[in-house]
Amino acid sequence: DYTVFTANNGTEGRKIAIEKQPAIILLDVMMPEMNGYELCQKLRDDIKTSHIPIILLTAKSSDESQLMGYKSGADEYLVKPFNAEILKVKLQNILKIHNWIS
């Protein structure tokens, strides 16, 4: 249903986000070179990417981890394993809110 860009690490993910300007970004918290919290914060701090909605996907389910995710600028925090249908609906809702789909 979507065009997907993938990255092998947080540094590469940041570069792709700046170049491709995706409608939404899905990040894993555990990534090499730059974790999802750090990448989320860097994307929020950059005027070129600060507007892009971000969903963090992670196995870290503690309240502290979720709080870190939201404080880093995530719009959503989804704990693994997650229901693919729920992720799909979250994506659709976010894209509708930003008027990228009807």
PDB file of N, CA and C in Angstrom:
ATOM      1  N   ASP A   1       0.808  -1.208   0.000  1.00  0.00           N
ATOM      2  CA  ASP A   1       0.000   0.000   0.000  1.00  0.00           C
ATOM      3  C   ASP A   1       0.850   1.271   0.000  1.00  0.00           C
ATOM      4  N   TYR A   2       2.118   1.176   0.409  1.00  0.00           N
ATOM      5  CA  TYR A   2       2.956   2.358   0.573  1.00  0.00           C
ATOM      6  C   TYR A   2       4.308   2.157  -0.092  1.00  0.00           C
ATOM      7  N   THR A   3       4.946   3.249  -0.452  1.00  0.00           N
ATOM      8  CA  THR A   3       6.340   3.216  -0.874  1.00  0.00           C
ATOM      9  C   THR A   3       7.167   3.259   0.405  1.00  0.00           C
ATOM     10  N   VAL A   4       8.082   2.308   0.548  1.00  0.00           N
ATOM     11  CA  VAL A   4       8.853   2.183   1.779  1.00  0.00           C
ATOM     12  C   VAL A   4      10.338   2.364   1.487  1.00  0.00           C
ATOM     13  N   PHE A   5      10.986   3.189   2.290  1.00  0.00           N
ATOM     14  CA  PHE A   5      12.435   3.364   2.241  1.00  0.00           C
ATOM     15  C   PHE A   5      12.991   2.727   3.510  1.00  0.00           C
ATOM     16  N   THR A   6      14.069   1.978   3.397  1.00  0.00           N
ATOM     17  CA  THR A   6      14.647   1.326   4.571  1.00  0.00           C
ATOM     18  C   THR A   6      16.082   1.802   4.778  1.00  0.00           C
ATOM     19  N   ALA A   7      16.515   1.710   6.032  1.00  0.00           N
ATOM     20  CA  ALA A   7      17.879   2.094   6.395  1.00  0.00           C
ATOM     21  C   ALA A   7      18.462   1.019   7.295  1.00  0.00           C
ATOM     22  N   ASN A   8      19.770   0.860   7.238  1.00  0.00           N
ATOM     23  CA  ASN A   8      20.456  -0.143   8.052  1.00  0.00           C
ATOM     24  C   ASN A   8      20.821   0.357   9.444  1.00  0.00           C
ATOM     25  N   ASN A   9      20.765   1.680   9.642  1.00  0.00           N
ATOM     26  CA  ASN A   9      21.119   2.254  10.930  1.00  0.00           C
ATOM     27  C   ASN A   9      20.510   3.650  11.044  1.00  0.00           C
ATOM     28  N   GLY A  10      20.638   4.241  12.211  1.00  0.00           N
ATOM     29  CA  GLY A  10      20.044   5.543  12.458  1.00  0.00           C
ATOM     30  C   GLY A  10      20.638   6.662  11.614  1.00  0.00           C
ATOM     31  N   THR A  11      21.942   6.615  11.383  1.00  0.00           N
ATOM     32  CA  THR A  11      22.594   7.640  10.579  1.00  0.00           C
ATOM     33  C   THR A  11      22.061   7.624   9.155  1.00  0.00           C
ATOM     34  N   GLU A  12      21.972   6.436   8.599  1.00  0.00           N
ATOM     35  CA  GLU A  12      21.433   6.280   7.250  1.00  0.00           C
ATOM     36  C   GLU A  12      19.960   6.686   7.213  1.00  0.00           C
ATOM     37  N   GLY A  13      19.215   6.347   8.253  1.00  0.00           N
ATOM     38  CA  GLY A  13      17.803   6.708   8.329  1.00  0.00           C
ATOM     39  C   GLY A  13      17.594   8.213   8.318  1.00  0.00           C
ATOM     40  N   ARG A  14      18.437   8.932   9.033  1.00  0.00           N
ATOM     41  CA  ARG A  14      18.339  10.397   9.059  1.00  0.00           C
ATOM     42  C   ARG A  14      18.584  10.973   7.666  1.00  0.00           C
ATOM     43  N   LYS A  15      19.597  10.461   6.998  1.00  0.00           N
ATOM     44  CA  LYS A  15      19.922  10.928   5.644  1.00  0.00           C
ATOM     45  C   LYS A  15      18.751  10.679   4.692  1.00  0.00           C
ATOM     46  N   ILE A  16      18.166   9.503   4.767  1.00  0.00           N
ATOM     47  CA  ILE A  16      17.035   9.169   3.901  1.00  0.00           C
ATOM     48  C   ILE A  16      15.842  10.072   4.211  1.00  0.00           C
ATOM     49  N   ALA A  17      15.588  10.317   5.483  1.00  0.00           N
ATOM     50  CA  ALA A  17      14.458  11.171   5.867  1.00  0.00           C
ATOM     51  C   ALA A  17      14.617  12.578   5.293  1.00  0.00           C
ATOM     52  N   ILE A  18      15.822  13.109   5.339  1.00  0.00           N
ATOM     53  CA  ILE A  18      16.079  14.452   4.814  1.00  0.00           C
ATOM     54  C   ILE A  18      15.929  14.463   3.293  1.00  0.00           C
ATOM     55  N   GLU A  19      16.476  13.460   2.622  1.00  0.00           N
ATOM     56  CA  GLU A  19      16.451  13.412   1.155  1.00  0.00           C
ATOM     57  C   GLU A  19      15.062  13.084   0.596  1.00  0.00           C
ATOM     58  N   LYS A  20      14.388  12.123   1.179  1.00  0.00           N
ATOM     59  CA  LYS A  20      13.127  11.610   0.611  1.00  0.00           C
ATOM     60  C   LYS A  20      11.887  12.317   1.142  1.00  0.00           C
ATOM     61  N   GLN A  21      11.983  12.955   2.314  1.00  0.00           N
ATOM     62  CA  GLN A  21      10.836  13.640   2.912  1.00  0.00           C
ATOM     63  C   GLN A  21       9.582  12.738   2.938  1.00  0.00           C
ATOM     64  N   PRO A  22       9.665  11.612   3.636  1.00  0.00           N
ATOM     65  CA  PRO A  22       8.525  10.693   3.666  1.00  0.00           C
ATOM     66  C   PRO A  22       7.333  11.300   4.397  1.00  0.00           C
ATOM     67  N   ALA A  23       6.156  10.761   4.145  1.00  0.00           N
ATOM     68  CA  ALA A  23       4.932  11.231   4.796  1.00  0.00           C
ATOM     69  C   ALA A  23       4.902  10.833   6.262  1.00  0.00           C
ATOM     70  N   ILE A  24       5.579   9.743   6.598  1.00  0.00           N
ATOM     71  CA  ILE A  24       5.609   9.243   7.972  1.00  0.00           C
ATOM     72  C   ILE A  24       6.886   8.422   8.152  1.00  0.00           C
ATOM     73  N   ILE A  25       7.379   8.364   9.388  1.00  0.00           N
ATOM     74  CA  ILE A  25       8.607   7.619   9.672  1.00  0.00           C
ATOM     75  C   ILE A  25       8.339   6.600  10.767  1.00  0.00           C
ATOM     76  N   LEU A  26       8.753   5.352  10.514  1.00  0.00           N
ATOM     77  CA  LEU A  26       8.704   4.284  11.511  1.00  0.00           C
ATOM     78  C   LEU A  26      10.141   3.996  11.935  1.00  0.00           C
ATOM     79  N   LEU A  27      10.398   4.068  13.220  1.00  0.00           N
ATOM     80  CA  LEU A  27      11.746   3.835  13.739  1.00  0.00           C
ATOM     81  C   LEU A  27      11.745   2.719  14.765  1.00  0.00           C
ATOM     82  N   ASP A  28      12.755   1.879  14.704  1.00  0.00           N
ATOM     83  CA  ASP A  28      12.996   0.935  15.782  1.00  0.00           C
ATOM     84  C   ASP A  28      13.861   1.668  16.804  1.00  0.00           C
ATOM     85  N   VAL A  29      13.625   1.444  18.071  1.00  0.00           N
ATOM     86  CA  VAL A  29      14.437   2.094  19.094  1.00  0.00           C
ATOM     87  C   VAL A  29      15.864   1.551  19.064  1.00  0.00           C
ATOM     88  N   MET A  30      16.013   0.253  18.890  1.00  0.00           N
ATOM     89  CA  MET A  30      17.329  -0.372  18.915  1.00  0.00           C
ATOM     90  C   MET A  30      17.911  -0.430  17.500  1.00  0.00           C
ATOM     91  N   MET A  31      18.806   0.526  17.211  1.00  0.00           N
ATOM     92  CA  MET A  31      19.478   0.583  15.912  1.00  0.00           C
ATOM     93  C   MET A  31      20.953   0.879  16.150  1.00  0.00           C
ATOM     94  N   PRO A  32      21.813   0.410  15.246  1.00  0.00           N
ATOM     95  CA  PRO A  32      23.227   0.748  15.380  1.00  0.00           C
ATOM     96  C   PRO A  32      23.483   2.218  15.017  1.00  0.00           C
ATOM     97  N   GLU A  33      24.602   2.734  15.497  1.00  0.00           N
ATOM     98  CA  GLU A  33      25.112   4.079  15.233  1.00  0.00           C
ATOM     99  C   GLU A  33      24.310   5.193  15.906  1.00  0.00           C
ATOM    100  N   MET A  34      22.989   5.119  15.864  1.00  0.00           N
ATOM    101  CA  MET A  34      22.154   6.128  16.500  1.00  0.00           C
ATOM    102  C   MET A  34      20.823   5.444  16.829  1.00  0.00           C
ATOM    103  N   ASN A  35      20.456   5.392  18.119  1.00  0.00           N
ATOM    104  CA  ASN A  35      19.227   4.686  18.463  1.00  0.00           C
ATOM    105  C   ASN A  35      17.998   5.510  18.065  1.00  0.00           C
ATOM    106  N   GLY A  36      16.841   4.908  18.160  1.00  0.00           N
ATOM    107  CA  GLY A  36      15.603   5.544  17.737  1.00  0.00           C
ATOM    108  C   GLY A  36      15.261   6.811  18.500  1.00  0.00           C
ATOM    109  N   TYR A  37      15.569   6.844  19.792  1.00  0.00           N
ATOM    110  CA  TYR A  37      15.316   8.050  20.576  1.00  0.00           C
ATOM    111  C   TYR A  37      16.167   9.212  20.057  1.00  0.00           C
ATOM    112  N   GLU A  38      17.455   8.920  19.828  1.00  0.00           N
ATOM    113  CA  GLU A  38      18.366   9.955  19.334  1.00  0.00           C
ATOM    114  C   GLU A  38      17.955  10.436  17.947  1.00  0.00           C
ATOM    115  N   LEU A  39      17.620   9.491  17.075  1.00  0.00           N
ATOM    116  CA  LEU A  39      17.217   9.853  15.721  1.00  0.00           C
ATOM    117  C   LEU A  39      15.926  10.665  15.743  1.00  0.00           C
ATOM    118  N   CYS A  40      14.979  10.248  16.551  1.00  0.00           N
ATOM    119  CA  CYS A  40      13.717  10.969  16.672  1.00  0.00           C
ATOM    120  C   CYS A  40      13.994  12.421  17.089  1.00  0.00           C
ATOM    121  N   GLN A  41      14.839  12.621  18.084  1.00  0.00           N
ATOM    122  CA  GLN A  41      15.167  13.969  18.554  1.00  0.00           C
ATOM    123  C   GLN A  41      15.848  14.789  17.464  1.00  0.00           C
ATOM    124  N   LYS A  42      16.777  14.173  16.739  1.00  0.00           N
ATOM    125  CA  LYS A  42      17.471  14.887  15.658  1.00  0.00           C
ATOM    126  C   LYS A  42      16.500  15.268  14.540  1.00  0.00           C
ATOM    127  N   LEU A  43      15.570  14.385  14.223  1.00  0.00           N
ATOM    128  CA  LEU A  43      14.575  14.696  13.192  1.00  0.00           C
ATOM    129  C   LEU A  43      13.664  15.835  13.642  1.00  0.00           C
ATOM    130  N   ARG A  44      13.307  15.852  14.917  1.00  0.00           N
ATOM    131  CA  ARG A  44      12.459  16.916  15.462  1.00  0.00           C
ATOM    132  C   ARG A  44      13.190  18.261  15.495  1.00  0.00           C
ATOM    133  N   ASP A  45      14.498  18.222  15.715  1.00  0.00           N
ATOM    134  CA  ASP A  45      15.287  19.441  15.813  1.00  0.00           C
ATOM    135  C   ASP A  45      15.651  20.036  14.451  1.00  0.00           C
ATOM    136  N   ASP A  46      15.433  19.286  13.382  1.00  0.00           N
ATOM    137  CA  ASP A  46      15.800  19.728  12.032  1.00  0.00           C
ATOM    138  C   ASP A  46      14.558  20.268  11.329  1.00  0.00           C
ATOM    139  N   ILE A  47      14.605  21.516  10.885  1.00  0.00           N
ATOM    140  CA  ILE A  47      13.461  22.153  10.226  1.00  0.00           C
ATOM    141  C   ILE A  47      12.998  21.373   8.986  1.00  0.00           C
ATOM    142  N   LYS A  48      13.923  20.630   8.363  1.00  0.00           N
ATOM    143  CA  LYS A  48      13.580  19.866   7.162  1.00  0.00           C
ATOM    144  C   LYS A  48      12.739  18.628   7.471  1.00  0.00           C
ATOM    145  N   THR A  49      12.801  18.151   8.715  1.00  0.00           N
ATOM    146  CA  THR A  49      12.087  16.909   9.058  1.00  0.00           C
ATOM    147  C   THR A  49      11.179  17.038  10.272  1.00  0.00           C
ATOM    148  N   SER A  50      11.153  18.188  10.903  1.00  0.00           N
ATOM    149  CA  SER A  50      10.424  18.348  12.169  1.00  0.00           C
ATOM    150  C   SER A  50       8.920  18.131  12.035  1.00  0.00           C
ATOM    151  N   HIS A  51       8.385  18.277  10.830  1.00  0.00           N
ATOM    152  CA  HIS A  51       6.947  18.146  10.593  1.00  0.00           C
ATOM    153  C   HIS A  51       6.496  16.708  10.327  1.00  0.00           C
ATOM    154  N   ILE A  52       7.428  15.808  10.115  1.00  0.00           N
ATOM    155  CA  ILE A  52       7.086  14.437   9.717  1.00  0.00           C
ATOM    156  C   ILE A  52       6.665  13.622  10.944  1.00  0.00           C
ATOM    157  N   PRO A  53       5.470  13.007  10.904  1.00  0.00           N
ATOM    158  CA  PRO A  53       5.047  12.160  12.026  1.00  0.00           C
ATOM    159  C   PRO A  53       5.987  10.963  12.198  1.00  0.00           C
ATOM    160  N   ILE A  54       6.237  10.594  13.471  1.00  0.00           N
ATOM    161  CA  ILE A  54       7.156   9.500  13.775  1.00  0.00           C
ATOM    162  C   ILE A  54       6.482   8.494  14.697  1.00  0.00           C
ATOM    163  N   ILE A  55       6.595   7.212  14.324  1.00  0.00           N
ATOM    164  CA  ILE A  55       6.133   6.111  15.175  1.00  0.00           C
ATOM    165  C   ILE A  55       7.372   5.318  15.587  1.00  0.00           C
ATOM    166  N   LEU A  56       7.552   5.137  16.889  1.00  0.00           N
ATOM    167  CA  LEU A  56       8.635   4.304  17.402  1.00  0.00           C
ATOM    168  C   LEU A  56       8.105   2.892  17.618  1.00  0.00           C
ATOM    169  N   LEU A  57       8.837   1.905  17.120  1.00  0.00           N
ATOM    170  CA  LEU A  57       8.515   0.491  17.313  1.00  0.00           C
ATOM    171  C   LEU A  57       9.616  -0.102  18.179  1.00  0.00           C
ATOM    172  N   THR A  58       9.229  -0.822  19.226  1.00  0.00           N
ATOM    173  CA  THR A  58      10.255  -1.333  20.134  1.00  0.00           C
ATOM    174  C   THR A  58       9.746  -2.463  21.012  1.00  0.00           C
ATOM    175  N   ALA A  59      10.663  -3.237  21.520  1.00  0.00           N
ATOM    176  CA  ALA A  59      10.327  -4.256  22.518  1.00  0.00           C
ATOM    177  C   ALA A  59      10.376  -3.663  23.918  1.00  0.00           C
ATOM    178  N   LYS A  60      10.847  -2.431  24.047  1.00  0.00           N
ATOM    179  CA  LYS A  60      10.953  -1.770  25.353  1.00  0.00           C
ATOM    180  C   LYS A  60       9.575  -1.264  25.769  1.00  0.00           C
ATOM    181  N   SER A  61       8.984  -1.934  26.736  1.00  0.00           N
ATOM    182  CA  SER A  61       7.596  -1.631  27.095  1.00  0.00           C
ATOM    183  C   SER A  61       7.425  -0.884  28.414  1.00  0.00           C
ATOM    184  N   SER A  62       8.517  -0.603  29.098  1.00  0.00           N
ATOM    185  CA  SER A  62       8.391   0.060  30.398  1.00  0.00           C
ATOM    186  C   SER A  62       7.854   1.482  30.228  1.00  0.00           C
ATOM    187  N   ASP A  63       7.237   1.984  31.281  1.00  0.00           N
ATOM    188  CA  ASP A  63       6.748   3.360  31.257  1.00  0.00           C
ATOM    189  C   ASP A  63       7.897   4.330  30.993  1.00  0.00           C
ATOM    190  N   GLU A  64       9.055   4.067  31.584  1.00  0.00           N
ATOM    191  CA  GLU A  64      10.222   4.926  31.401  1.00  0.00           C
ATOM    192  C   GLU A  64      10.648   4.973  29.928  1.00  0.00           C
ATOM    193  N   SER A  65      10.655   3.812  29.272  1.00  0.00           N
ATOM    194  CA  SER A  65      11.033   3.757  27.854  1.00  0.00           C
ATOM    195  C   SER A  65      10.023   4.501  26.993  1.00  0.00           C
ATOM    196  N   GLN A  66       8.737   4.308  27.298  1.00  0.00           N
ATOM    197  CA  GLN A  66       7.706   5.011  26.527  1.00  0.00           C
ATOM    198  C   GLN A  66       7.810   6.519  26.734  1.00  0.00           C
ATOM    199  N   LEU A  67       8.061   6.927  27.961  1.00  0.00           N
ATOM    200  CA  LEU A  67       8.224   8.345  28.263  1.00  0.00           C
ATOM    201  C   LEU A  67       9.414   8.928  27.492  1.00  0.00           C
ATOM    202  N   MET A  68      10.523   8.177  27.436  1.00  0.00           N
ATOM    203  CA  MET A  68      11.683   8.616  26.655  1.00  0.00           C
ATOM    204  C   MET A  68      11.314   8.803  25.190  1.00  0.00           C
ATOM    205  N   GLY A  69      10.499   7.876  24.668  1.00  0.00           N
ATOM    206  CA  GLY A  69      10.070   7.959  23.274  1.00  0.00           C
ATOM    207  C   GLY A  69       9.251   9.204  23.001  1.00  0.00           C
ATOM    208  N   TYR A  70       8.281   9.451  23.863  1.00  0.00           N
ATOM    209  CA  TYR A  70       7.446  10.639  23.669  1.00  0.00           C
ATOM    210  C   TYR A  70       8.231  11.927  23.902  1.00  0.00           C
ATOM    211  N   LYS A  71       9.142  11.928  24.866  1.00  0.00           N
ATOM    212  CA  LYS A  71       9.965  13.114  25.114  1.00  0.00           C
ATOM    213  C   LYS A  71      10.923  13.394  23.963  1.00  0.00           C
ATOM    214  N   SER A  72      11.300  12.348  23.232  1.00  0.00           N
ATOM    215  CA  SER A  72      12.186  12.544  22.077  1.00  0.00           C
ATOM    216  C   SER A  72      11.419  13.072  20.873  1.00  0.00           C
ATOM    217  N   GLY A  73      10.084  13.085  20.965  1.00  0.00           N
ATOM    218  CA  GLY A  73       9.282  13.675  19.891  1.00  0.00           C
ATOM    219  C   GLY A  73       8.414  12.704  19.126  1.00  0.00           C
ATOM    220  N   ALA A  74       8.338  11.451  19.555  1.00  0.00           N
ATOM    221  CA  ALA A  74       7.511  10.475  18.837  1.00  0.00           C
ATOM    222  C   ALA A  74       6.030  10.830  18.940  1.00  0.00           C
ATOM    223  N   ASP A  75       5.319  10.592  17.858  1.00  0.00           N
ATOM    224  CA  ASP A  75       3.869  10.782  17.851  1.00  0.00           C
ATOM    225  C   ASP A  75       3.149   9.550  18.398  1.00  0.00           C
ATOM    226  N   GLU A  76       3.737   8.398  18.162  1.00  0.00           N
ATOM    227  CA  GLU A  76       3.182   7.126  18.633  1.00  0.00           C
ATOM    228  C   GLU A  76       4.323   6.236  19.106  1.00  0.00           C
ATOM    229  N   TYR A  77       4.001   5.305  19.994  1.00  0.00           N
ATOM    230  CA  TYR A  77       4.976   4.361  20.546  1.00  0.00           C
ATOM    231  C   TYR A  77       4.299   3.003  20.532  1.00  0.00           C
ATOM    232  N   LEU A  78       4.777   2.103  19.723  1.00  0.00           N
ATOM    233  CA  LEU A  78       4.150   0.796  19.561  1.00  0.00           C
ATOM    234  C   LEU A  78       5.106  -0.287  20.044  1.00  0.00           C
ATOM    235  N   VAL A  79       4.649  -1.103  20.989  1.00  0.00           N
ATOM    236  CA  VAL A  79       5.478  -2.137  21.593  1.00  0.00           C
ATOM    237  C   VAL A  79       5.372  -3.437  20.782  1.00  0.00           C
ATOM    238  N   LYS A  80       6.548  -4.056  20.533  1.00  0.00           N
ATOM    239  CA  LYS A  80       6.614  -5.353  19.852  1.00  0.00           C
ATOM    240  C   LYS A  80       6.327  -6.458  20.843  1.00  0.00           C
ATOM    241  N   PRO A  81       5.759  -7.551  20.458  1.00  0.00           N
ATOM    242  CA  PRO A  81       5.158  -7.728  19.134  1.00  0.00           C
ATOM    243  C   PRO A  81       3.879  -6.898  19.041  1.00  0.00           C
ATOM    244  N   PHE A  82       3.624  -6.355  17.879  1.00  0.00           N
ATOM    245  CA  PHE A  82       2.448  -5.522  17.690  1.00  0.00           C
ATOM    246  C   PHE A  82       1.539  -6.144  16.642  1.00  0.00           C
ATOM    247  N   ASN A  83       0.305  -5.744  16.668  1.00  0.00           N
ATOM    248  CA  ASN A  83      -0.691  -6.216  15.722  1.00  0.00           C
ATOM    249  C   ASN A  83      -0.549  -5.394  14.444  1.00  0.00           C
ATOM    250  N   ALA A  84      -0.290  -6.054  13.327  1.00  0.00           N
ATOM    251  CA  ALA A  84      -0.071  -5.365  12.052  1.00  0.00           C
ATOM    252  C   ALA A  84      -1.295  -4.553  11.630  1.00  0.00           C
ATOM    253  N   GLU A  85      -2.469  -5.032  11.943  1.00  0.00           N
ATOM    254  CA  GLU A  85      -3.693  -4.300  11.590  1.00  0.00           C
ATOM    255  C   GLU A  85      -3.778  -2.983  12.374  1.00  0.00           C
ATOM    256  N   ILE A  86      -3.373  -3.016  13.641  1.00  0.00           N
ATOM    257  CA  ILE A  86      -3.363  -1.785  14.448  1.00  0.00           C
ATOM    258  C   ILE A  86      -2.360  -0.794  13.861  1.00  0.00           C
ATOM    259  N   LEU A  87      -1.183  -1.265  13.482  1.00  0.00           N
ATOM    260  CA  LEU A  87      -0.192  -0.381  12.865  1.00  0.00           C
ATOM    261  C   LEU A  87      -0.754   0.233  11.584  1.00  0.00           C
ATOM    262  N   LYS A  88      -1.395  -0.577  10.768  1.00  0.00           N
ATOM    263  CA  LYS A  88      -1.959  -0.096   9.503  1.00  0.00           C
ATOM    264  C   LYS A  88      -2.998   1.004   9.754  1.00  0.00           C
ATOM    265  N   VAL A  89      -3.862   0.816  10.742  1.00  0.00           N
ATOM    266  CA  VAL A  89      -4.885   1.817  11.054  1.00  0.00           C
ATOM    267  C   VAL A  89      -4.240   3.082  11.616  1.00  0.00           C
ATOM    268  N   LYS A  90      -3.219   2.934  12.469  1.00  0.00           N
ATOM    269  CA  LYS A  90      -2.504   4.110  12.988  1.00  0.00           C
ATOM    270  C   LYS A  90      -1.896   4.907  11.842  1.00  0.00           C
ATOM    271  N   LEU A  91      -1.258   4.214  10.897  1.00  0.00           N
ATOM    272  CA  LEU A  91      -0.681   4.878   9.734  1.00  0.00           C
ATOM    273  C   LEU A  91      -1.750   5.633   8.947  1.00  0.00           C
ATOM    274  N   GLN A  92      -2.862   4.957   8.679  1.00  0.00           N
ATOM    275  CA  GLN A  92      -3.951   5.599   7.932  1.00  0.00           C
ATOM    276  C   GLN A  92      -4.487   6.822   8.661  1.00  0.00           C
ATOM    277  N   ASN A  93      -4.674   6.716   9.968  1.00  0.00           N
ATOM    278  CA  ASN A  93      -5.201   7.846  10.743  1.00  0.00           C
ATOM    279  C   ASN A  93      -4.249   9.034  10.711  1.00  0.00           C
ATOM    280  N   ILE A  94      -2.967   8.770  10.888  1.00  0.00           N
ATOM    281  CA  ILE A  94      -1.990   9.860  10.861  1.00  0.00           C
ATOM    282  C   ILE A  94      -1.945  10.505   9.480  1.00  0.00           C
ATOM    283  N   LEU A  95      -1.959   9.692   8.443  1.00  0.00           N
ATOM    284  CA  LEU A  95      -1.933  10.233   7.084  1.00  0.00           C
ATOM    285  C   LEU A  95      -3.196  11.047   6.781  1.00  0.00           C
ATOM    286  N   LYS A  96      -4.349  10.621   7.294  1.00  0.00           N
ATOM    287  CA  LYS A  96      -5.591  11.389   7.127  1.00  0.00           C
ATOM    288  C   LYS A  96      -5.519  12.715   7.840  1.00  0.00           C
ATOM    289  N   ILE A  97      -5.010  12.718   9.072  1.00  0.00           N
ATOM    290  CA  ILE A  97      -4.893  13.941   9.850  1.00  0.00           C
ATOM    291  C   ILE A  97      -4.058  14.978   9.087  1.00  0.00           C
ATOM    292  N   HIS A  98      -3.019  14.516   8.422  1.00  0.00           N
ATOM    293  CA  HIS A  98      -2.134  15.424   7.692  1.00  0.00           C
ATOM    294  C   HIS A  98      -2.574  15.623   6.242  1.00  0.00           C
ATOM    295  N   ASN A  99      -3.755  15.115   5.920  1.00  0.00           N
ATOM    296  CA  ASN A  99      -4.350  15.279   4.581  1.00  0.00           C
ATOM    297  C   ASN A  99      -3.530  14.686   3.448  1.00  0.00           C
ATOM    298  N   TRP A 100      -2.802  13.588   3.741  1.00  0.00           N
ATOM    299  CA  TRP A 100      -2.050  12.914   2.688  1.00  0.00           C
ATOM    300  C   TRP A 100      -2.887  11.826   2.030  1.00  0.00           C
ATOM    301  N   ILE A 101      -3.948  11.388   2.699  1.00  0.00           N
ATOM    302  CA  ILE A 101      -4.917  10.463   2.090  1.00  0.00           C
ATOM    303  C   ILE A 101      -6.301  10.911   2.521  1.00  0.00           C
ATOM    304  N   SER A 102      -7.314  10.459   1.755  1.00  0.00           N
ATOM    305  CA  SER A 102      -8.699  10.838   2.137  1.00  0.00           C
ATOM    306  C   SER A 102      -9.443   9.643   2.683  1.00  0.00           C
TER     307      SER A 102
END
